[in-house]
Amino acid sequence: MDKLIITAAMVGAEITRQHNPNLPVTPEEIARAAYDCCQAGASVVHLHVRDDHGTPTQAGERFRETIEKIKAKCNIIIQVSTGGAVGMTAEERLQPVYLKPEMATLSTGSVNFGDDVFLNPPSYLERFAMAIKENGVKPEIEVFDVGMISNALQLVKKGLLEEPLHYDFVMGVPGGIPGTLKNLLHLTESIPPGSTWTVAGMGRFELPLGTAAIIMGGHVRVGFEDNIYYEKGVLAQSNAQLVERIVRVADIHSRPVASPDEARKILRLGS
C-alpha cells in the first residue's frame, strides 16, 4: 500500500460558528488551522474561504490571501474547492482555479444536497475540466454517487481529463450515496486500475469509513466541513484533533502516514 494521505477539509460552505465555535473563518485562522493539521499528519488541505462577514465566497483575492498565509507556515498541498456553495455560478466557482494551485476539486454530476440541489450539468463539467487542465492543476474527482465515475471517464474520452485520476468518494450526504461499507466497496471497484481514491464520510460515517479506507489502501478526508463532532454529542476542539485521531487509527493498522512531499509523489503532482 501507499502511505496514507490525510486531507483536512477545515471550513466548508455550510458550517458556521453556531454549529461549532472552533470553526476557522479568517485567512489567519484558516492558515493556522492548516499548519496545525499539517503538524498533526495531514498532507492536503481542501480549501474553502469566507468573506469578512463569515459568508462563503469564491473570490480569487480571498483565496490568494489565504493561500499565501498557508504557504508561509507549511508545505502542505493546497486543494481549492470549485464547488463553492449551492447556488453559485460557474464563473464564481472557477475563480480559485486561475491562481494555479496544485489541486482543485471537480464534481462530476448534480446531486440533491439536503434541501438544495448541487448543480453540475454536462456543460459545467466540460468547462471546469478545461479550466483545470489549462491551468496545470491536478483534479480531484468529487463523487457523490457512482454515476459520477462514468461522467469523469467520459471527460477522459473527450481529452479533458488524463488518467490516472484521483477520486474523492463523498458519502453520507443526504441525497447522495449512503455511507455504508458495501457502497464504499462498490465505488472502489468501479474506478479504473491505477486510480487513487480518498473517502470523505459525512458526520457519523467519518470514522468508520476512514478506518475502512486505511485497511483497503485508500486515503482519508476529515475535518469540520464533513463532521463537527469528535464523538456523539461532543464537539471537536479543532480540525487537527480529527486528523490526530485518523493518524492513531492508521498507526494501529501499521499504515504509515504520508508527508506532503510523499503525497505529491503518490498523486503525481507536477508530472
Foldseek 3Di string as FASTA:
>chain_A
DAFAAEEEAAAAQPDDVVNPVLRQAALLSVLVQLLLQLVLFHQEYEDWHAPPVRHTFLAQVRVVSSVVSNVVRDDHAYEYELLTDAPDDNVRSCNNLLVLGQEYEQEQAWWAFPPGISHQDLVSNQVNLQSNVVSQHAYEYEAQEQVSLVSVVVCVVVVSDPPPHEYEHEECGVGGHHLDPVRVVVNVVSHDPPHAYEYQYAEPSQVVVLLVCLVVVHYYYDYPNRYQAPDVPHGDNGSSVVSNVSCVSSVVVVRHGDNNVSVCVSSVGPD
